[in-house]
Amino acid sequence: MSDEQKIIVDEDWKSRVAAEKEAASRSGQPAADAAESPTAEPAASAGAAQPGPQWPPASFDLLVAGLVTEALVALGQLPHPLSGAVDPDRQHARYAIDMLEMLAEKTKGNLTADEERGLGDVLHQLRMAFVAPELSGAE
């Protein structure tokens, strides 16, 4: 019995989480945000906080658009947004297209008709753009 390791369980975390949730509900801030950003409240109350960029609401279409843009940059059909360089990278393009294919597979049956049609259309266009150099003999 003395050779067995004693396992210590921290039961105090439950009370800390409950206290954080209670404090967050009083301040009107979600509990996760209250725990992760302890300085957010003083900056907001001081009135010195400068407004940040206005982000569009998260959406499936925006996620797809980001991956499509990544693929088009990698295919050399769009310039890189930071450097402005057009530098095709077929492996990166293949990865972005594969990510979209995986997204289509994992969301099958859970998309609206417009989302499914739009995702299918961009996948087709990207696949055609990917094989276009092979068809023209450029590679």
Protein backbone atom coordinates (compact mmCIF):
# COMPACT_ATOMS: atom_id res chain seq x y z
CA MET A 1 0.00 0.00 0.00
CA SER A 2 2.87 2.39 0.70
CA ASP A 3 4.34 1.76 -2.79
CA GLU A 4 1.18 3.04 -4.53
CA GLN A 5 1.24 6.59 -5.84
CA LYS A 6 -1.28 8.90 -4.27
CA ILE A 7 -3.45 10.65 -6.86
CA ILE A 8 -4.30 14.21 -5.94
CA VAL A 9 -7.46 15.60 -7.52
CA ASP A 10 -7.92 19.35 -7.65
CA GLU A 11 -11.54 19.86 -6.64
CA ASP A 12 -11.02 23.60 -6.20
CA TRP A 13 -11.32 24.24 -9.96
CA LYS A 14 -15.08 23.74 -9.79
CA SER A 15 -15.49 26.57 -7.30
CA ARG A 16 -13.18 28.82 -9.35
CA VAL A 17 -15.20 28.18 -12.52
CA ALA A 18 -18.45 28.86 -10.68
CA ALA A 19 -17.03 32.11 -9.29
CA GLU A 20 -15.84 33.18 -12.76
CA LYS A 21 -19.25 32.44 -14.27
CA GLU A 22 -20.98 34.41 -11.55
CA ALA A 23 -18.62 37.37 -11.98
CA ALA A 24 -19.07 37.25 -15.74
CA SER A 25 -22.85 37.17 -15.49
CA ARG A 26 -22.75 40.24 -13.24
CA SER A 27 -20.54 42.12 -15.70
CA GLY A 28 -22.53 40.98 -18.75
CA GLN A 29 -19.48 39.36 -20.32
CA PRO A 30 -19.43 35.66 -21.33
CA ALA A 31 -17.54 33.50 -18.85
CA ALA A 32 -14.92 32.33 -21.36
CA ASP A 33 -14.17 35.90 -22.37
CA ALA A 34 -13.94 37.03 -18.75
CA ALA A 35 -11.35 34.37 -18.00
CA GLU A 36 -9.32 34.99 -21.15
CA SER A 37 -9.32 38.78 -21.23
CA PRO A 38 -9.00 40.22 -17.73
CA THR A 39 -7.96 43.63 -19.09
CA ALA A 40 -10.95 44.04 -21.40
CA GLU A 41 -13.19 45.53 -18.70
CA PRO A 42 -10.87 48.32 -17.48
CA ALA A 43 -10.13 49.47 -21.03
CA ALA A 44 -13.81 49.60 -21.89
CA SER A 45 -14.73 51.47 -18.71
CA ALA A 46 -11.95 54.02 -19.21
CA GLY A 47 -13.41 54.99 -22.59
CA ALA A 48 -9.90 55.02 -24.05
CA ALA A 49 -10.40 51.90 -26.13
CA GLN A 50 -10.26 52.59 -29.83
CA PRO A 51 -12.73 50.74 -32.01
CA GLY A 52 -11.22 47.86 -33.92
CA PRO A 53 -12.10 46.70 -37.40
CA GLN A 54 -15.68 45.68 -38.01
CA TRP A 55 -15.60 41.99 -38.84
CA PRO A 56 -18.35 40.48 -40.95
CA PRO A 57 -20.45 37.86 -39.21
CA ALA A 58 -19.02 34.36 -39.41
CA SER A 59 -20.69 32.32 -42.11
CA PHE A 60 -20.21 29.23 -44.21
CA ASP A 61 -19.93 31.35 -47.36
CA LEU A 62 -17.15 33.43 -45.82
CA LEU A 63 -15.22 30.29 -44.84
CA VAL A 64 -15.54 28.93 -48.38
CA ALA A 65 -14.53 32.29 -49.87
CA GLY A 66 -11.37 32.32 -47.77
CA LEU A 67 -10.35 28.86 -48.94
CA VAL A 68 -11.20 29.71 -52.56
CA THR A 69 -9.06 32.85 -52.37
CA GLU A 70 -6.21 30.83 -50.89
CA ALA A 71 -6.48 28.33 -53.75
CA LEU A 72 -6.61 31.06 -56.42
CA VAL A 73 -3.51 32.75 -54.99
CA ALA A 74 -1.73 29.38 -54.91
CA LEU A 75 -2.77 28.72 -58.51
CA GLY A 76 -1.27 32.06 -59.52
CA GLN A 77 -4.61 33.46 -60.66
CA LEU A 78 -4.59 36.18 -57.98
CA PRO A 79 -1.65 38.13 -56.59
CA HIS A 80 -0.64 37.47 -53.00
CA PRO A 81 -2.59 39.96 -50.84
CA LEU A 82 0.48 41.10 -48.86
CA SER A 83 3.38 40.88 -51.29
CA GLY A 84 1.48 41.39 -54.54
CA ALA A 85 3.58 38.63 -56.10
CA VAL A 86 2.08 36.04 -58.40
CA ASP A 87 3.91 32.88 -57.43
CA PRO A 88 2.06 29.63 -58.25
CA ASP A 89 2.43 26.84 -55.71
CA ARG A 90 0.63 23.73 -56.95
CA GLN A 91 1.05 21.83 -53.68
CA HIS A 92 -0.55 24.68 -51.74
CA ALA A 93 -3.33 24.90 -54.33
CA ARG A 94 -3.95 21.15 -54.06
CA TYR A 95 -4.11 21.48 -50.26
CA ALA A 96 -6.66 24.32 -50.41
CA ILE A 97 -8.79 22.38 -52.91
CA ASP A 98 -8.55 19.27 -50.72
CA MET A 99 -9.70 21.33 -47.74
CA LEU A 100 -12.76 22.45 -49.69
CA GLU A 101 -13.45 18.86 -50.78
CA MET A 102 -13.21 17.70 -47.16
CA LEU A 103 -15.55 20.51 -46.09
CA ALA A 104 -18.05 19.46 -48.77
CA GLU A 105 -17.87 15.84 -47.65
CA LYS A 106 -18.21 16.60 -43.93
CA THR A 107 -21.14 18.98 -44.43
CA LYS A 108 -23.01 16.81 -46.93
CA GLY A 109 -26.70 16.81 -46.05
CA ASN A 110 -26.34 19.79 -43.69
CA LEU A 111 -26.12 22.61 -46.23
CA THR A 112 -28.82 24.67 -47.84
CA ALA A 113 -29.36 24.09 -51.55
CA ASP A 114 -27.59 27.38 -52.36
CA GLU A 115 -24.59 26.54 -50.16
CA GLU A 116 -24.27 23.07 -51.66
CA ARG A 117 -24.56 24.38 -55.22
CA GLY A 118 -22.08 27.21 -54.56
CA LEU A 119 -19.53 24.88 -52.98
CA GLY A 120 -19.90 22.41 -55.84
CA ASP A 121 -19.47 25.18 -58.41
CA VAL A 122 -16.30 26.61 -56.89
CA LEU A 123 -14.83 23.13 -56.45
CA HIS A 124 -15.44 22.40 -60.13
CA GLN A 125 -13.89 25.72 -61.20
CA LEU A 126 -10.84 25.21 -58.97
CA ARG A 127 -10.33 21.64 -60.21
CA MET A 128 -10.46 22.87 -63.81
CA ALA A 129 -7.99 25.67 -63.03
CA PHE A 130 -5.72 23.14 -61.32
CA VAL A 131 -5.59 20.79 -64.33
CA ALA A 132 -5.53 23.55 -66.98
CA PRO A 133 -1.70 23.72 -67.12
CA GLU A 134 -1.55 19.94 -67.57
CA LEU A 135 -4.11 20.05 -70.38
CA SER A 136 -2.26 22.82 -72.21
CA GLY A 137 1.09 21.08 -71.77
CA ALA A 138 2.55 23.89 -69.65
CA GLU A 139 3.84 21.47 -67.04
